[in-house]
Amino acid sequence: MAERIDLNAEVREFLRMRVTQILGEEQENRGQLKLSIKEAGDDIFCLLYDYQVKRGWKQIAESMAYMTGIERGTTYKMRERIRKCKR
């Protein structure tokens, strides 16, 4: 079986790099950065969900639970709440 990849570590490293580039050491640069944590979470959910839908994969809710730790029922609720996710 292939090794599981921790995308959290990759996202953390990417954000650390970008925040350093944007903010540097200057407090005044804070106005240049915009990040909605909720929107980012929704975007990640949709990316993973839509990826599977577009490929016609089966048991998406179960896959989401395995990849993200989000329960199947929560996956269905999130899909309905986030209208931008394709079906």
C-alpha atoms as a PDB file:
ATOM      1  CA  MET A   1       0.000   0.000   0.000  1.00  0.00           C
ATOM      2  CA  ALA A   2       1.253   3.485  -0.833  1.00  0.00           C
ATOM      3  CA  GLU A   3       2.272   5.865   1.928  1.00  0.00           C
ATOM      4  CA  ARG A   4      -0.432   8.320   3.026  1.00  0.00           C
ATOM      5  CA  ILE A   5       0.497  11.889   2.171  1.00  0.00           C
ATOM      6  CA  ASP A   6      -0.068  14.564   4.838  1.00  0.00           C
ATOM      7  CA  LEU A   7      -1.355  17.539   2.848  1.00  0.00           C
ATOM      8  CA  ASN A   8      -1.730  19.504   6.088  1.00  0.00           C
ATOM      9  CA  ALA A   9       2.048  19.708   6.345  1.00  0.00           C
ATOM     10  CA  GLU A  10       2.302  20.881   2.734  1.00  0.00           C
ATOM     11  CA  VAL A  11      -0.413  23.511   3.212  1.00  0.00           C
ATOM     12  CA  ARG A  12       1.276  24.759   6.405  1.00  0.00           C
ATOM     13  CA  GLU A  13       4.609  25.096   4.621  1.00  0.00           C
ATOM     14  CA  PHE A  14       3.041  26.881   1.649  1.00  0.00           C
ATOM     15  CA  LEU A  15       1.177  29.326   3.916  1.00  0.00           C
ATOM     16  CA  ARG A  16       4.286  29.915   6.020  1.00  0.00           C
ATOM     17  CA  MET A  17       6.238  30.777   2.870  1.00  0.00           C
ATOM     18  CA  ARG A  18       3.522  33.070   1.444  1.00  0.00           C
ATOM     19  CA  VAL A  19       2.919  34.868   4.754  1.00  0.00           C
ATOM     20  CA  THR A  20       6.644  35.541   5.018  1.00  0.00           C
ATOM     21  CA  GLN A  21       6.694  36.872   1.443  1.00  0.00           C
ATOM     22  CA  ILE A  22       3.633  39.080   1.972  1.00  0.00           C
ATOM     23  CA  LEU A  23       4.202  40.349   5.501  1.00  0.00           C
ATOM     24  CA  GLY A  24       7.948  40.214   5.825  1.00  0.00           C
ATOM     25  CA  GLU A  25       8.960  42.045   8.993  1.00  0.00           C
ATOM     26  CA  GLU A  26       6.740  45.073   8.416  1.00  0.00           C
ATOM     27  CA  GLN A  27       3.605  45.329  10.552  1.00  0.00           C
ATOM     28  CA  GLU A  28       2.079  47.719   8.012  1.00  0.00           C
ATOM     29  CA  ASN A  29       1.929  44.880   5.455  1.00  0.00           C
ATOM     30  CA  ARG A  30      -0.928  43.201   7.341  1.00  0.00           C
ATOM     31  CA  GLY A  31      -3.402  45.117   5.198  1.00  0.00           C
ATOM     32  CA  GLN A  32      -2.127  43.260   2.124  1.00  0.00           C
ATOM     33  CA  LEU A  33      -3.205  39.871   3.411  1.00  0.00           C
ATOM     34  CA  LYS A  34      -6.757  38.522   3.266  1.00  0.00           C
ATOM     35  CA  LEU A  35      -7.679  35.021   4.377  1.00  0.00           C
ATOM     36  CA  SER A  36     -11.083  33.634   5.310  1.00  0.00           C
ATOM     37  CA  ILE A  37     -10.459  30.434   7.256  1.00  0.00           C
ATOM     38  CA  LYS A  38     -14.060  29.272   6.722  1.00  0.00           C
ATOM     39  CA  GLU A  39     -13.919  29.940   2.980  1.00  0.00           C
ATOM     40  CA  ALA A  40     -10.572  28.141   2.710  1.00  0.00           C
ATOM     41  CA  GLY A  41     -12.024  25.086   4.464  1.00  0.00           C
ATOM     42  CA  ASP A  42     -15.038  25.103   2.158  1.00  0.00           C
ATOM     43  CA  ASP A  43     -12.760  25.420  -0.880  1.00  0.00           C
ATOM     44  CA  ILE A  44     -10.673  22.443   0.230  1.00  0.00           C
ATOM     45  CA  PHE A  45     -13.804  20.374   0.852  1.00  0.00           C
ATOM     46  CA  CYS A  46     -15.172  21.216  -2.618  1.00  0.00           C
ATOM     47  CA  LEU A  47     -11.855  20.535  -4.305  1.00  0.00           C
ATOM     48  CA  LEU A  48     -11.686  17.031  -2.827  1.00  0.00           C
ATOM     49  CA  TYR A  49     -15.375  16.325  -3.362  1.00  0.00           C
ATOM     50  CA  ASP A  50     -15.580  17.658  -6.925  1.00  0.00           C
ATOM     51  CA  TYR A  51     -12.382  15.847  -7.921  1.00  0.00           C
ATOM     52  CA  GLN A  52     -14.065  12.535  -7.190  1.00  0.00           C
ATOM     53  CA  VAL A  53     -17.410  13.505  -8.736  1.00  0.00           C
ATOM     54  CA  LYS A  54     -15.804  14.579 -12.017  1.00  0.00           C
ATOM     55  CA  ARG A  55     -14.146  11.178 -12.299  1.00  0.00           C
ATOM     56  CA  GLY A  56     -17.316   9.262 -11.533  1.00  0.00           C
ATOM     57  CA  TRP A  57     -15.814   7.632  -8.469  1.00  0.00           C
ATOM     58  CA  LYS A  58     -18.123   5.736  -6.134  1.00  0.00           C
ATOM     59  CA  GLN A  59     -18.560   6.038  -2.353  1.00  0.00           C
ATOM     60  CA  ILE A  60     -17.430   9.654  -2.190  1.00  0.00           C
ATOM     61  CA  ALA A  61     -18.759  10.242   1.320  1.00  0.00           C
ATOM     62  CA  GLU A  62     -16.792   7.240   2.590  1.00  0.00           C
ATOM     63  CA  SER A  63     -13.671   8.468   0.791  1.00  0.00           C
ATOM     64  CA  MET A  64     -14.095  11.934   2.289  1.00  0.00           C
ATOM     65  CA  ALA A  65     -14.362  10.363   5.748  1.00  0.00           C
ATOM     66  CA  TYR A  66     -11.156   8.413   5.157  1.00  0.00           C
ATOM     67  CA  MET A  67      -9.202  11.363   3.717  1.00  0.00           C
ATOM     68  CA  THR A  68     -10.458  14.164   5.952  1.00  0.00           C
ATOM     69  CA  GLY A  69     -11.978  12.630   9.059  1.00  0.00           C
ATOM     70  CA  ILE A  70     -15.333  14.238   8.178  1.00  0.00           C
ATOM     71  CA  GLU A  71     -18.149  11.801   8.896  1.00  0.00           C
ATOM     72  CA  ARG A  72     -20.342  10.604   6.023  1.00  0.00           C
ATOM     73  CA  GLY A  73     -23.415  12.445   7.283  1.00  0.00           C
ATOM     74  CA  THR A  74     -21.434  15.641   7.689  1.00  0.00           C
ATOM     75  CA  THR A  75     -20.162  15.274   4.128  1.00  0.00           C
ATOM     76  CA  TYR A  76     -23.740  15.229   2.835  1.00  0.00           C
ATOM     77  CA  LYS A  77     -24.655  18.264   4.957  1.00  0.00           C
ATOM     78  CA  MET A  78     -21.576  20.196   3.848  1.00  0.00           C
ATOM     79  CA  ARG A  79     -22.264  19.380   0.206  1.00  0.00           C
ATOM     80  CA  GLU A  80     -25.743  20.835   0.557  1.00  0.00           C
ATOM     81  CA  ARG A  81     -24.543  23.881   2.500  1.00  0.00           C
ATOM     82  CA  ILE A  82     -21.765  24.724   0.074  1.00  0.00           C
ATOM     83  CA  ARG A  83     -23.693  25.353  -3.107  1.00  0.00           C
ATOM     84  CA  LYS A  84     -20.570  25.936  -5.205  1.00  0.00           C
ATOM     85  CA  CYS A  85     -19.719  22.232  -5.018  1.00  0.00           C
ATOM     86  CA  LYS A  86     -20.691  20.520  -8.224  1.00  0.00           C
ATOM     87  CA  ARG A  87     -22.935  17.492  -8.204  1.00  0.00           C
END
